[in-house]
Amino acid sequence: MATTVPAQAYVGPGLGLGAISTALGVVGAILLGIVSFVWYPVKRLVRAARRKPAAPAQSDPLPESEL
């Protein structure tokens, strides 16, 4: 028990693809979580900028009746 012997084990295609799929799934979930935390505030800022009304032009001359 104190010493170990290297196992003569075979990792078949099912177990290998399952391990790769699991690793890619974990990495994908982490990346998707990071992107969602960044994307939501950016999306809110863009929407707020689009909804803000444009300021009226200051260079428009006043009509003669208001002078």
PDB file of N, CA and C in Angstrom:
ATOM      1  N   MET A   1       0.808  -1.197   0.000  1.00  0.00           N
ATOM      2  CA  MET A   1       0.000   0.000   0.000  1.00  0.00           C
ATOM      3  C   MET A   1       0.857   1.269   0.000  1.00  0.00           C
ATOM      4  N   ALA A   2       2.033   1.194   0.527  1.00  0.00           N
ATOM      5  CA  ALA A   2       2.881   2.375   0.608  1.00  0.00           C
ATOM      6  C   ALA A   2       3.432   2.767  -0.753  1.00  0.00           C
ATOM      7  N   THR A   3       3.640   1.797  -1.610  1.00  0.00           N
ATOM      8  CA  THR A   3       4.135   2.093  -2.948  1.00  0.00           C
ATOM      9  C   THR A   3       3.063   1.724  -3.961  1.00  0.00           C
ATOM     10  N   THR A   4       3.054   2.452  -5.057  1.00  0.00           N
ATOM     11  CA  THR A   4       2.068   2.173  -6.098  1.00  0.00           C
ATOM     12  C   THR A   4       2.763   1.670  -7.346  1.00  0.00           C
ATOM     13  N   VAL A   5       2.038   0.887  -8.095  1.00  0.00           N
ATOM     14  CA  VAL A   5       2.545   0.361  -9.351  1.00  0.00           C
ATOM     15  C   VAL A   5       1.747   1.027 -10.463  1.00  0.00           C
ATOM     16  N   PRO A   6       2.400   1.506 -11.539  1.00  0.00           N
ATOM     17  CA  PRO A   6       1.646   2.115 -12.634  1.00  0.00           C
ATOM     18  C   PRO A   6       0.615   1.128 -13.188  1.00  0.00           C
ATOM     19  N   ALA A   7      -0.569   1.614 -13.423  1.00  0.00           N
ATOM     20  CA  ALA A   7      -1.647   0.771 -13.930  1.00  0.00           C
ATOM     21  C   ALA A   7      -1.487   0.574 -15.428  1.00  0.00           C
ATOM     22  N   GLN A   8      -1.790  -0.614 -15.864  1.00  0.00           N
ATOM     23  CA  GLN A   8      -1.793  -0.927 -17.284  1.00  0.00           C
ATOM     24  C   GLN A   8      -3.242  -0.814 -17.752  1.00  0.00           C
ATOM     25  N   ALA A   9      -3.764   0.412 -17.746  1.00  0.00           N
ATOM     26  CA  ALA A   9      -5.181   0.625 -18.038  1.00  0.00           C
ATOM     27  C   ALA A   9      -5.348   1.167 -19.447  1.00  0.00           C
ATOM     28  N   TYR A  10      -6.499   0.874 -19.997  1.00  0.00           N
ATOM     29  CA  TYR A  10      -6.843   1.342 -21.346  1.00  0.00           C
ATOM     30  C   TYR A  10      -7.964   2.360 -21.228  1.00  0.00           C
ATOM     31  N   VAL A  11      -7.767   3.522 -21.800  1.00  0.00           N
ATOM     32  CA  VAL A  11      -8.812   4.539 -21.835  1.00  0.00           C
ATOM     33  C   VAL A  11      -9.393   4.491 -23.235  1.00  0.00           C
ATOM     34  N   GLY A  12     -10.600   3.956 -23.328  1.00  0.00           N
ATOM     35  CA  GLY A  12     -11.241   3.800 -24.626  1.00  0.00           C
ATOM     36  C   GLY A  12     -11.765   5.118 -25.166  1.00  0.00           C
ATOM     37  N   PRO A  13     -12.282   5.089 -26.391  1.00  0.00           N
ATOM     38  CA  PRO A  13     -12.778   6.318 -27.009  1.00  0.00           C
ATOM     39  C   PRO A  13     -13.980   6.910 -26.276  1.00  0.00           C
ATOM     40  N   GLY A  14     -14.803   6.074 -25.678  1.00  0.00           N
ATOM     41  CA  GLY A  14     -15.969   6.587 -24.949  1.00  0.00           C
ATOM     42  C   GLY A  14     -15.562   7.397 -23.732  1.00  0.00           C
ATOM     43  N   LEU A  15     -14.657   6.854 -22.940  1.00  0.00           N
ATOM     44  CA  LEU A  15     -14.201   7.556 -21.747  1.00  0.00           C
ATOM     45  C   LEU A  15     -13.374   8.784 -22.117  1.00  0.00           C
ATOM     46  N   GLY A  16     -12.554   8.665 -23.150  1.00  0.00           N
ATOM     47  CA  GLY A  16     -11.731   9.806 -23.580  1.00  0.00           C
ATOM     48  C   GLY A  16     -12.580  10.957 -24.079  1.00  0.00           C
ATOM     49  N   LEU A  17     -13.555  10.657 -24.946  1.00  0.00           N
ATOM     50  CA  LEU A  17     -14.434  11.719 -25.455  1.00  0.00           C
ATOM     51  C   LEU A  17     -15.313  12.293 -24.353  1.00  0.00           C
ATOM     52  N   GLY A  18     -15.721  11.451 -23.420  1.00  0.00           N
ATOM     53  CA  GLY A  18     -16.512  11.946 -22.292  1.00  0.00           C
ATOM     54  C   GLY A  18     -15.717  12.911 -21.423  1.00  0.00           C
ATOM     55  N   ALA A  19     -14.456  12.581 -21.178  1.00  0.00           N
ATOM     56  CA  ALA A  19     -13.601  13.461 -20.377  1.00  0.00           C
ATOM     57  C   ALA A  19     -13.339  14.774 -21.100  1.00  0.00           C
ATOM     58  N   ILE A  20     -13.090  14.697 -22.409  1.00  0.00           N
ATOM     59  CA  ILE A  20     -12.860  15.921 -23.189  1.00  0.00           C
ATOM     60  C   ILE A  20     -14.122  16.775 -23.219  1.00  0.00           C
ATOM     61  N   SER A  21     -15.276  16.153 -23.411  1.00  0.00           N
ATOM     62  CA  SER A  21     -16.542  16.899 -23.439  1.00  0.00           C
ATOM     63  C   SER A  21     -16.819  17.572 -22.106  1.00  0.00           C
ATOM     64  N   THR A  22     -16.539  16.867 -21.023  1.00  0.00           N
ATOM     65  CA  THR A  22     -16.748  17.448 -19.699  1.00  0.00           C
ATOM     66  C   THR A  22     -15.828  18.644 -19.482  1.00  0.00           C
ATOM     67  N   ALA A  23     -14.568  18.508 -19.854  1.00  0.00           N
ATOM     68  CA  ALA A  23     -13.622  19.615 -19.689  1.00  0.00           C
ATOM     69  C   ALA A  23     -14.035  20.813 -20.534  1.00  0.00           C
ATOM     70  N   LEU A  24     -14.436  20.572 -21.788  1.00  0.00           N
ATOM     71  CA  LEU A  24     -14.880  21.679 -22.643  1.00  0.00           C
ATOM     72  C   LEU A  24     -16.162  22.311 -22.109  1.00  0.00           C
ATOM     73  N   GLY A  25     -17.040  21.504 -21.550  1.00  0.00           N
ATOM     74  CA  GLY A  25     -18.270  22.043 -20.973  1.00  0.00           C
ATOM     75  C   GLY A  25     -18.001  22.955 -19.788  1.00  0.00           C
ATOM     76  N   VAL A  26     -17.075  22.558 -18.933  1.00  0.00           N
ATOM     77  CA  VAL A  26     -16.730  23.382 -17.770  1.00  0.00           C
ATOM     78  C   VAL A  26     -16.082  24.692 -18.220  1.00  0.00           C
ATOM     79  N   VAL A  27     -15.147  24.607 -19.147  1.00  0.00           N
ATOM     80  CA  VAL A  27     -14.484  25.819 -19.657  1.00  0.00           C
ATOM     81  C   VAL A  27     -15.497  26.723 -20.350  1.00  0.00           C
ATOM     82  N   GLY A  28     -16.389  26.136 -21.149  1.00  0.00           N
ATOM     83  CA  GLY A  28     -17.419  26.924 -21.832  1.00  0.00           C
ATOM     84  C   GLY A  28     -18.364  27.606 -20.859  1.00  0.00           C
ATOM     85  N   ALA A  29     -18.747  26.908 -19.799  1.00  0.00           N
ATOM     86  CA  ALA A  29     -19.640  27.504 -18.806  1.00  0.00           C
ATOM     87  C   ALA A  29     -18.971  28.672 -18.091  1.00  0.00           C
ATOM     88  N   ILE A  30     -17.707  28.531 -17.777  1.00  0.00           N
ATOM     89  CA  ILE A  30     -16.980  29.620 -17.117  1.00  0.00           C
ATOM     90  C   ILE A  30     -16.871  30.824 -18.048  1.00  0.00           C
ATOM     91  N   LEU A  31     -16.513  30.590 -19.304  1.00  0.00           N
ATOM     92  CA  LEU A  31     -16.403  31.698 -20.261  1.00  0.00           C
ATOM     93  C   LEU A  31     -17.753  32.364 -20.496  1.00  0.00           C
ATOM     94  N   LEU A  32     -18.811  31.570 -20.611  1.00  0.00           N
ATOM     95  CA  LEU A  32     -20.141  32.134 -20.806  1.00  0.00           C
ATOM     96  C   LEU A  32     -20.568  32.966 -19.602  1.00  0.00           C
ATOM     97  N   GLY A  33     -20.220  32.525 -18.413  1.00  0.00           N
ATOM     98  CA  GLY A  33     -20.522  33.304 -17.217  1.00  0.00           C
ATOM     99  C   GLY A  33     -19.800  34.640 -17.199  1.00  0.00           C
ATOM    100  N   ILE A  34     -18.536  34.633 -17.583  1.00  0.00           N
ATOM    101  CA  ILE A  34     -17.766  35.880 -17.624  1.00  0.00           C
ATOM    102  C   ILE A  34     -18.343  36.825 -18.670  1.00  0.00           C
ATOM    103  N   VAL A  35     -18.651  36.302 -19.851  1.00  0.00           N
ATOM    104  CA  VAL A  35     -19.210  37.134 -20.923  1.00  0.00           C
ATOM    105  C   VAL A  35     -20.555  37.715 -20.511  1.00  0.00           C
ATOM    106  N   SER A  36     -21.379  36.935 -19.829  1.00  0.00           N
ATOM    107  CA  SER A  36     -22.695  37.448 -19.431  1.00  0.00           C
ATOM    108  C   SER A  36     -22.571  38.557 -18.396  1.00  0.00           C
ATOM    109  N   PHE A  37     -21.615  38.453 -17.488  1.00  0.00           N
ATOM    110  CA  PHE A  37     -21.423  39.516 -16.504  1.00  0.00           C
ATOM    111  C   PHE A  37     -20.920  40.799 -17.153  1.00  0.00           C
ATOM    112  N   VAL A  38     -20.177  40.688 -18.231  1.00  0.00           N
ATOM    113  CA  VAL A  38     -19.672  41.869 -18.931  1.00  0.00           C
ATOM    114  C   VAL A  38     -20.725  42.413 -19.889  1.00  0.00           C
ATOM    115  N   TRP A  39     -21.440  41.545 -20.592  1.00  0.00           N
ATOM    116  CA  TRP A  39     -22.364  41.953 -21.649  1.00  0.00           C
ATOM    117  C   TRP A  39     -23.582  42.692 -21.101  1.00  0.00           C
ATOM    118  N   TYR A  40     -24.156  42.253 -19.994  1.00  0.00           N
ATOM    119  CA  TYR A  40     -25.394  42.858 -19.501  1.00  0.00           C
ATOM    120  C   TYR A  40     -25.226  44.350 -19.177  1.00  0.00           C
ATOM    121  N   PRO A  41     -24.209  44.775 -18.439  1.00  0.00           N
ATOM    122  CA  PRO A  41     -24.051  46.217 -18.194  1.00  0.00           C
ATOM    123  C   PRO A  41     -23.777  47.006 -19.471  1.00  0.00           C
ATOM    124  N   VAL A  42     -23.034  46.432 -20.400  1.00  0.00           N
ATOM    125  CA  VAL A  42     -22.764  47.120 -21.665  1.00  0.00           C
ATOM    126  C   VAL A  42     -24.069  47.309 -22.433  1.00  0.00           C
ATOM    127  N   LYS A  43     -24.901  46.293 -22.454  1.00  0.00           N
ATOM    128  CA  LYS A  43     -26.185  46.375 -23.149  1.00  0.00           C
ATOM    129  C   LYS A  43     -27.073  47.452 -22.519  1.00  0.00           C
ATOM    130  N   ARG A  44     -27.068  47.559 -21.209  1.00  0.00           N
ATOM    131  CA  ARG A  44     -27.864  48.596 -20.542  1.00  0.00           C
ATOM    132  C   ARG A  44     -27.354  49.988 -20.881  1.00  0.00           C
ATOM    133  N   LEU A  45     -26.039  50.163 -20.948  1.00  0.00           N
ATOM    134  CA  LEU A  45     -25.476  51.469 -21.299  1.00  0.00           C
ATOM    135  C   LEU A  45     -25.843  51.859 -22.725  1.00  0.00           C
ATOM    136  N   VAL A  46     -25.802  50.909 -23.638  1.00  0.00           N
ATOM    137  CA  VAL A  46     -26.144  51.192 -25.036  1.00  0.00           C
ATOM    138  C   VAL A  46     -27.608  51.581 -25.142  1.00  0.00           C
ATOM    139  N   ARG A  47     -28.479  50.866 -24.445  1.00  0.00           N
ATOM    140  CA  ARG A  47     -29.906  51.203 -24.483  1.00  0.00           C
ATOM    141  C   ARG A  47     -30.168  52.581 -23.887  1.00  0.00           C
ATOM    142  N   ALA A  48     -29.489  52.903 -22.794  1.00  0.00           N
ATOM    143  CA  ALA A  48     -29.676  54.212 -22.170  1.00  0.00           C
ATOM    144  C   ALA A  48     -29.196  55.323 -23.097  1.00  0.00           C
ATOM    145  N   ALA A  49     -28.119  55.089 -23.809  1.00  0.00           N
ATOM    146  CA  ALA A  49     -27.595  56.101 -24.729  1.00  0.00           C
ATOM    147  C   ALA A  49     -28.545  56.306 -25.905  1.00  0.00           C
ATOM    148  N   ARG A  50     -29.177  55.244 -26.356  1.00  0.00           N
ATOM    149  CA  ARG A  50     -30.112  55.367 -27.478  1.00  0.00           C
ATOM    150  C   ARG A  50     -31.397  56.072 -27.072  1.00  0.00           C
ATOM    151  N   ARG A  51     -31.826  55.895 -25.848  1.00  0.00           N
ATOM    152  CA  ARG A  51     -33.092  56.491 -25.400  1.00  0.00           C
ATOM    153  C   ARG A  51     -32.958  57.964 -25.036  1.00  0.00           C
ATOM    154  N   LYS A  52     -31.739  58.413 -24.782  1.00  0.00           N
ATOM    155  CA  LYS A  52     -31.531  59.807 -24.387  1.00  0.00           C
ATOM    156  C   LYS A  52     -31.885  60.712 -25.567  1.00  0.00           C
ATOM    157  N   PRO A  53     -32.794  61.669 -25.367  1.00  0.00           N
ATOM    158  CA  PRO A  53     -33.158  62.552 -26.486  1.00  0.00           C
ATOM    159  C   PRO A  53     -32.001  63.486 -26.843  1.00  0.00           C
ATOM    160  N   ALA A  54     -31.936  63.817 -28.095  1.00  0.00           N
ATOM    161  CA  ALA A  54     -30.892  64.723 -28.561  1.00  0.00           C
ATOM    162  C   ALA A  54     -31.182  66.136 -28.066  1.00  0.00           C
ATOM    163  N   ALA A  55     -30.158  66.853 -27.678  1.00  0.00           N
ATOM    164  CA  ALA A  55     -30.324  68.225 -27.207  1.00  0.00           C
ATOM    165  C   ALA A  55     -30.662  69.125 -28.392  1.00  0.00           C
ATOM    166  N   PRO A  56     -31.542  70.096 -28.200  1.00  0.00           N
ATOM    167  CA  PRO A  56     -31.867  71.002 -29.314  1.00  0.00           C
ATOM    168  C   PRO A  56     -30.647  71.834 -29.699  1.00  0.00           C
ATOM    169  N   ALA A  57     -30.568  72.170 -30.942  1.00  0.00           N
ATOM    170  CA  ALA A  57     -29.435  72.951 -31.440  1.00  0.00           C
ATOM    171  C   ALA A  57     -29.479  74.355 -30.847  1.00  0.00           C
ATOM    172  N   GLN A  58     -28.341  74.847 -30.375  1.00  0.00           N
ATOM    173  CA  GLN A  58     -28.268  76.158 -29.751  1.00  0.00           C
ATOM    174  C   GLN A  58     -28.074  77.266 -30.781  1.00  0.00           C
ATOM    175  N   SER A  59     -27.708  76.939 -31.990  1.00  0.00           N
ATOM    176  CA  SER A  59     -27.413  77.968 -32.976  1.00  0.00           C
ATOM    177  C   SER A  59     -28.649  78.405 -33.764  1.00  0.00           C
ATOM    178  N   ASP A  60     -29.820  77.860 -33.449  1.00  0.00           N
ATOM    179  CA  ASP A  60     -31.026  78.273 -34.161  1.00  0.00           C
ATOM    180  C   ASP A  60     -31.383  79.709 -33.773  1.00  0.00           C
ATOM    181  N   PRO A  61     -31.556  80.599 -34.738  1.00  0.00           N
ATOM    182  CA  PRO A  61     -31.921  81.984 -34.409  1.00  0.00           C
ATOM    183  C   PRO A  61     -33.370  82.050 -33.912  1.00  0.00           C
ATOM    184  N   LEU A  62     -33.626  83.006 -33.058  1.00  0.00           N
ATOM    185  CA  LEU A  62     -34.989  83.215 -32.558  1.00  0.00           C
ATOM    186  C   LEU A  62     -35.840  83.863 -33.647  1.00  0.00           C
ATOM    187  N   PRO A  63     -37.105  83.554 -33.677  1.00  0.00           N
ATOM    188  CA  PRO A  63     -37.993  84.227 -34.632  1.00  0.00           C
ATOM    189  C   PRO A  63     -38.062  85.727 -34.335  1.00  0.00           C
ATOM    190  N   GLU A  64     -38.402  86.507 -35.324  1.00  0.00           N
ATOM    191  CA  GLU A  64     -38.466  87.963 -35.196  1.00  0.00           C
ATOM    192  C   GLU A  64     -39.424  88.391 -34.092  1.00  0.00           C
ATOM    193  N   SER A  65     -40.485  87.636 -33.866  1.00  0.00           N
ATOM    194  CA  SER A  65     -41.483  88.044 -32.876  1.00  0.00           C
ATOM    195  C   SER A  65     -40.959  87.914 -31.450  1.00  0.00           C
ATOM    196  N   GLU A  66     -39.928  87.108 -31.205  1.00  0.00           N
ATOM    197  CA  GLU A  66     -39.422  86.921 -29.850  1.00  0.00           C
ATOM    198  C   GLU A  66     -38.253  87.847 -29.538  1.00  0.00           C
ATOM    199  N   LEU A  67     -37.803  88.671 -30.429  1.00  0.00           N
ATOM    200  CA  LEU A  67     -36.687  89.580 -30.178  1.00  0.00           C
ATOM    201  C   LEU A  67     -37.096  90.785 -29.431  1.00  0.00           C
TER     202      LEU A  67
END
